[in-house]
Amino acid sequence: MNDKISCIITDDEPYARKGLQGYIEKISFLDLKGSCEDALQLNSLLEEEPVDLLFLDIQMPLFTGIEFLKTLRNPPKVIFTTAYAQYAIQGFELEVMDYLLKPISYERFFKAATKAKEYFALKARPDESTAYLFVKSNGKFEKIVFADILFIEGMENYVAIQLKDKRIVTHSTIKSLLEKLPARQFIQTHKSYVIGIDKIDRIEGNLLHIQKYQIPISKYLRKVVMTALIT
């Protein structure tokens, strides 16, 4: 990918399109390729010119943004721009990059755009899936590959690291171990749990499902967790 992120605005409200276009023109690393009124126009434009990023409204005539996104086999990354907060969970399930609630301030828009820039910059880097650390367990040092961690459970002065194929217990605390993990890959959901963000299969109420395991979301951390998962 070149230095700029190609993008398209889709919103049935003219003032919303104009506002987003004005924001994009102020950001040097965004390259606006088109502005659409609905999903049908967007589909035609994508057939002519694929882009990196969509600024996509949800409630539109004919197709909602969510319905349209589900039809795409290899969709671009998406930032939802909507007046409706209730679609946040569906946004997470569709792996959208961010979820902007109208009216959208320039500061909030710039933050979402910067997040997209960081994502594409990271994507262009060499594979980091083999990053690891060593922990002491049962008198020996075990290599823990970050990509293999499903979740971490705190147990007073010990933590249990649940991997894809085994469970390793080490003398540590949730706090000290979390400081060693990459922030974009892990998040604390409860005073006793840290999870691998990309390992979540689904969310039901205050429970995260990771394979056969159910991980609680603390009511005090729920807002932070849901925001992080969506973004």
Protein backbone atom coordinates (compact mmCIF):
# COMPACT_ATOMS: atom_id res chain seq x y z
CA MET A 1 0.00 0.00 0.00
CA ASN A 2 1.23 3.54 -0.71
CA ASP A 3 1.48 6.26 1.93
CA LYS A 4 -2.18 7.24 1.58
CA ILE A 5 -5.27 5.29 2.62
CA SER A 6 -7.86 5.26 -0.16
CA CYS A 7 -11.40 5.64 1.14
CA ILE A 8 -15.08 6.11 0.23
CA ILE A 9 -17.87 7.86 2.13
CA THR A 10 -21.36 6.32 2.05
CA ASP A 11 -24.24 8.12 3.75
CA ASP A 12 -27.76 9.02 2.61
CA GLU A 13 -27.58 12.43 4.35
CA PRO A 14 -25.97 15.15 2.18
CA TYR A 15 -24.80 17.18 5.17
CA ALA A 16 -23.19 14.09 6.71
CA ARG A 17 -21.31 13.37 3.46
CA LYS A 18 -20.19 16.98 3.21
CA GLY A 19 -19.02 17.02 6.82
CA LEU A 20 -16.99 13.83 6.45
CA GLN A 21 -15.51 15.04 3.18
CA GLY A 22 -14.37 18.21 4.92
CA TYR A 23 -12.71 16.16 7.66
CA ILE A 24 -10.97 13.90 5.14
CA GLU A 25 -9.61 16.88 3.19
CA LYS A 26 -7.84 18.02 6.36
CA ILE A 27 -6.04 14.68 6.86
CA SER A 28 -3.02 14.23 4.62
CA PHE A 29 -2.89 10.42 4.75
CA LEU A 30 -6.49 9.92 3.55
CA ASP A 31 -7.30 9.86 -0.17
CA LEU A 32 -11.03 10.20 -0.90
CA LYS A 33 -12.04 8.22 -3.99
CA GLY A 34 -15.77 8.82 -3.90
CA SER A 35 -18.91 9.75 -2.00
CA CYS A 36 -22.10 7.64 -2.24
CA GLU A 37 -25.73 8.05 -1.21
CA ASP A 38 -26.47 4.35 -0.67
CA ALA A 39 -25.09 0.82 -0.79
CA LEU A 40 -25.94 0.32 -4.47
CA GLN A 41 -23.83 3.30 -5.49
CA LEU A 42 -21.07 2.06 -3.20
CA ASN A 43 -21.16 -1.40 -4.75
CA SER A 44 -20.79 0.05 -8.26
CA LEU A 45 -17.90 2.24 -7.17
CA LEU A 46 -16.10 -0.64 -5.46
CA GLU A 47 -16.36 -2.70 -8.64
CA GLU A 48 -14.58 0.10 -10.50
CA GLU A 49 -12.04 1.01 -7.84
CA PRO A 50 -11.37 -1.10 -4.73
CA VAL A 51 -10.28 0.95 -1.72
CA ASP A 52 -8.66 0.40 1.67
CA LEU A 53 -11.32 1.94 3.91
CA LEU A 54 -15.05 2.69 4.00
CA PHE A 55 -16.75 5.37 6.09
CA LEU A 56 -20.13 3.65 6.15
CA ASP A 57 -23.49 4.75 7.53
CA ILE A 58 -25.76 2.01 8.91
CA GLN A 59 -29.33 3.22 8.43
CA MET A 60 -29.76 3.82 4.66
CA PRO A 61 -32.48 3.09 2.08
CA LEU A 62 -32.54 -0.27 0.26
CA PHE A 63 -29.65 -1.84 2.22
CA THR A 64 -28.36 -0.97 5.66
CA GLY A 65 -24.62 -0.65 5.98
CA ILE A 66 -24.57 -3.88 7.98
CA GLU A 67 -26.60 -5.80 5.38
CA PHE A 68 -24.35 -4.55 2.61
CA LEU A 69 -21.16 -5.39 4.47
CA LYS A 70 -22.35 -8.97 4.93
CA THR A 71 -22.62 -9.38 1.14
CA LEU A 72 -18.96 -8.60 0.51
CA ARG A 73 -16.58 -11.54 0.28
CA ASN A 74 -13.41 -9.52 0.90
CA PRO A 75 -14.58 -6.16 2.26
CA PRO A 76 -12.32 -3.18 2.85
CA LYS A 77 -11.81 -2.12 6.45
CA VAL A 78 -14.82 -0.22 7.75
CA ILE A 79 -15.48 2.66 10.11
CA PHE A 80 -19.19 2.93 10.86
CA THR A 81 -20.63 6.45 11.03
CA THR A 82 -24.07 6.26 12.61
CA ALA A 83 -26.55 7.87 14.97
CA TYR A 84 -27.45 4.49 16.49
CA ALA A 85 -25.41 3.01 19.34
CA GLN A 86 -27.33 -0.29 19.43
CA TYR A 87 -25.43 -1.79 16.50
CA ALA A 88 -22.08 -1.81 18.34
CA ILE A 89 -22.10 -5.58 18.95
CA GLN A 90 -22.79 -6.28 15.27
CA GLY A 91 -19.95 -3.95 14.45
CA PHE A 92 -17.64 -6.08 16.57
CA GLU A 93 -18.88 -9.27 14.91
CA LEU A 94 -18.16 -7.76 11.49
CA GLU A 95 -14.68 -6.70 12.66
CA VAL A 96 -15.18 -3.03 11.87
CA MET A 97 -12.26 -0.77 12.68
CA ASP A 98 -14.20 1.88 14.60
CA TYR A 99 -17.73 3.00 15.42
CA LEU A 100 -18.39 6.75 15.27
CA LEU A 101 -21.61 8.13 16.74
CA LYS A 102 -23.15 11.21 15.13
CA PRO A 103 -22.67 14.08 15.56
CA ILE A 104 -19.02 13.25 14.90
CA SER A 105 -16.43 15.72 16.13
CA TYR A 106 -13.25 16.29 14.14
CA GLU A 107 -11.19 15.13 17.13
CA ARG A 108 -13.03 11.79 17.26
CA PHE A 109 -12.84 11.39 13.48
CA PHE A 110 -9.11 12.09 13.48
CA LYS A 111 -8.59 9.50 16.22
CA ALA A 112 -10.40 6.86 14.11
CA ALA A 113 -8.42 7.83 11.00
CA THR A 114 -5.16 7.58 12.94
CA LYS A 115 -6.18 4.13 14.14
CA ALA A 116 -6.67 3.10 10.51
CA LYS A 117 -3.25 4.51 9.63
CA GLU A 118 -1.63 2.50 12.42
CA TYR A 119 -3.47 -0.65 11.30
CA PHE A 120 -2.27 -0.41 7.70
CA ALA A 121 1.26 0.48 8.82
CA LEU A 122 1.31 -2.58 11.08
CA LYS A 123 -0.10 -4.77 8.32
CA ALA A 124 2.80 -3.75 6.09
CA ARG A 125 5.37 -4.85 8.67
CA PRO A 126 6.87 -8.34 8.91
CA ASP A 127 4.76 -11.00 10.65
CA GLU A 128 4.83 -10.61 14.45
CA SER A 129 2.94 -13.82 15.19
CA THR A 130 6.07 -15.47 16.61
CA ALA A 131 6.68 -12.83 19.34
CA TYR A 132 7.08 -14.50 22.74
CA LEU A 133 8.28 -14.35 26.33
CA PHE A 134 9.60 -16.92 28.82
CA VAL A 135 7.94 -17.66 32.17
CA LYS A 136 9.14 -19.91 34.98
CA SER A 137 6.89 -22.88 35.76
CA ASN A 138 7.65 -26.04 37.74
CA GLY A 139 11.34 -25.22 37.97
CA LYS A 140 11.86 -24.58 34.24
CA PHE A 141 11.38 -21.76 31.80
CA GLU A 142 8.51 -22.14 29.33
CA LYS A 143 8.36 -20.26 26.04
CA ILE A 144 4.98 -18.54 25.60
CA VAL A 145 4.16 -17.39 22.06
CA PHE A 146 1.75 -14.47 22.30
CA ALA A 147 -0.35 -15.72 19.40
CA ASP A 148 -1.02 -19.00 21.29
CA ILE A 149 -2.51 -17.33 24.41
CA LEU A 150 -6.29 -17.72 24.72
CA PHE A 151 -6.57 -16.02 28.10
CA ILE A 152 -4.79 -15.50 31.41
CA GLU A 153 -6.42 -16.14 34.79
CA GLY A 154 -5.16 -14.53 37.98
CA MET A 155 -4.97 -16.58 41.19
CA GLU A 156 -3.61 -14.33 43.98
CA ASN A 157 0.20 -14.50 43.49
CA TYR A 158 0.01 -16.84 40.51
CA VAL A 159 -1.41 -16.68 37.01
CA ALA A 160 -2.57 -19.50 34.78
CA ILE A 161 -1.83 -18.95 31.09
CA GLN A 162 -4.28 -20.89 28.95
CA LEU A 163 -2.72 -21.74 25.59
CA LYS A 164 -4.23 -23.52 22.61
CA ASP A 165 -2.99 -26.89 23.81
CA LYS A 166 -1.98 -26.56 27.49
CA ARG A 167 -2.20 -24.51 30.69
CA ILE A 168 0.89 -23.06 32.34
CA VAL A 169 0.96 -21.72 35.91
CA THR A 170 3.63 -19.22 36.91
CA HIS A 171 4.41 -17.04 39.94
CA SER A 172 3.27 -13.60 38.81
CA THR A 173 0.36 -11.17 38.90
CA ILE A 174 -2.13 -10.16 36.23
CA LYS A 175 -0.79 -6.60 36.32
CA SER A 176 2.88 -7.46 35.86
CA LEU A 177 2.18 -9.96 33.06
CA LEU A 178 -0.18 -7.60 31.25
CA GLU A 179 2.58 -4.99 31.11
CA LYS A 180 4.70 -7.43 29.07
CA LEU A 181 1.99 -8.18 26.51
CA PRO A 182 1.28 -6.11 23.36
CA ALA A 183 -1.65 -3.81 24.16
CA ARG A 184 -3.26 -4.19 20.73
CA GLN A 185 -3.55 -7.98 21.20
CA PHE A 186 -4.69 -8.30 24.83
CA ILE A 187 -7.15 -6.62 27.17
CA GLN A 188 -8.17 -7.08 30.79
CA THR A 189 -11.88 -7.92 31.05
CA HIS A 190 -12.07 -8.58 34.79
CA LYS A 191 -9.76 -8.20 37.79
CA SER A 192 -8.82 -11.87 37.33
CA TYR A 193 -8.81 -12.22 33.52
CA VAL A 194 -6.88 -10.99 30.49
CA ILE A 195 -7.94 -12.28 27.06
CA GLY A 196 -6.46 -12.49 23.59
CA ILE A 197 -8.70 -10.14 21.60
CA ASP A 198 -8.55 -12.15 18.37
CA LYS A 199 -9.47 -15.38 20.20
CA ILE A 200 -13.05 -14.32 21.03
CA ASP A 201 -15.71 -16.42 19.30
CA ARG A 202 -18.76 -14.51 20.53
CA ILE A 203 -20.16 -12.23 23.24
CA GLU A 204 -23.28 -13.06 25.23
CA GLY A 205 -24.27 -10.58 27.90
CA ASN A 206 -21.31 -10.24 30.25
CA LEU A 207 -19.55 -13.37 29.01
CA LEU A 208 -16.89 -13.78 26.34
CA HIS A 209 -16.75 -17.19 24.69
CA ILE A 210 -13.31 -18.47 23.71
CA GLN A 211 -13.52 -22.03 22.43
CA LYS A 212 -15.05 -24.03 25.34
CA TYR A 213 -14.25 -21.35 27.92
CA GLN A 214 -16.44 -18.54 29.28
CA ILE A 215 -14.64 -15.41 30.46
CA PRO A 216 -16.52 -12.79 32.54
CA ILE A 217 -16.63 -9.07 31.76
CA SER A 218 -16.62 -6.94 34.88
CA LYS A 219 -19.36 -4.31 35.01
CA TYR A 220 -16.64 -1.77 35.81
CA LEU A 221 -14.63 -2.69 32.71
CA ARG A 222 -17.50 -3.42 30.30
CA LYS A 223 -17.48 -0.02 28.59
CA VAL A 224 -13.70 -0.08 28.14
CA VAL A 225 -13.77 -3.68 26.91
CA MET A 226 -16.59 -3.17 24.40
CA THR A 227 -14.97 -0.02 23.04
CA ALA A 228 -11.64 -1.82 22.61
CA LEU A 229 -13.22 -4.85 20.95
CA ILE A 230 -15.14 -2.73 18.48
CA THR A 231 -12.17 -0.54 17.64
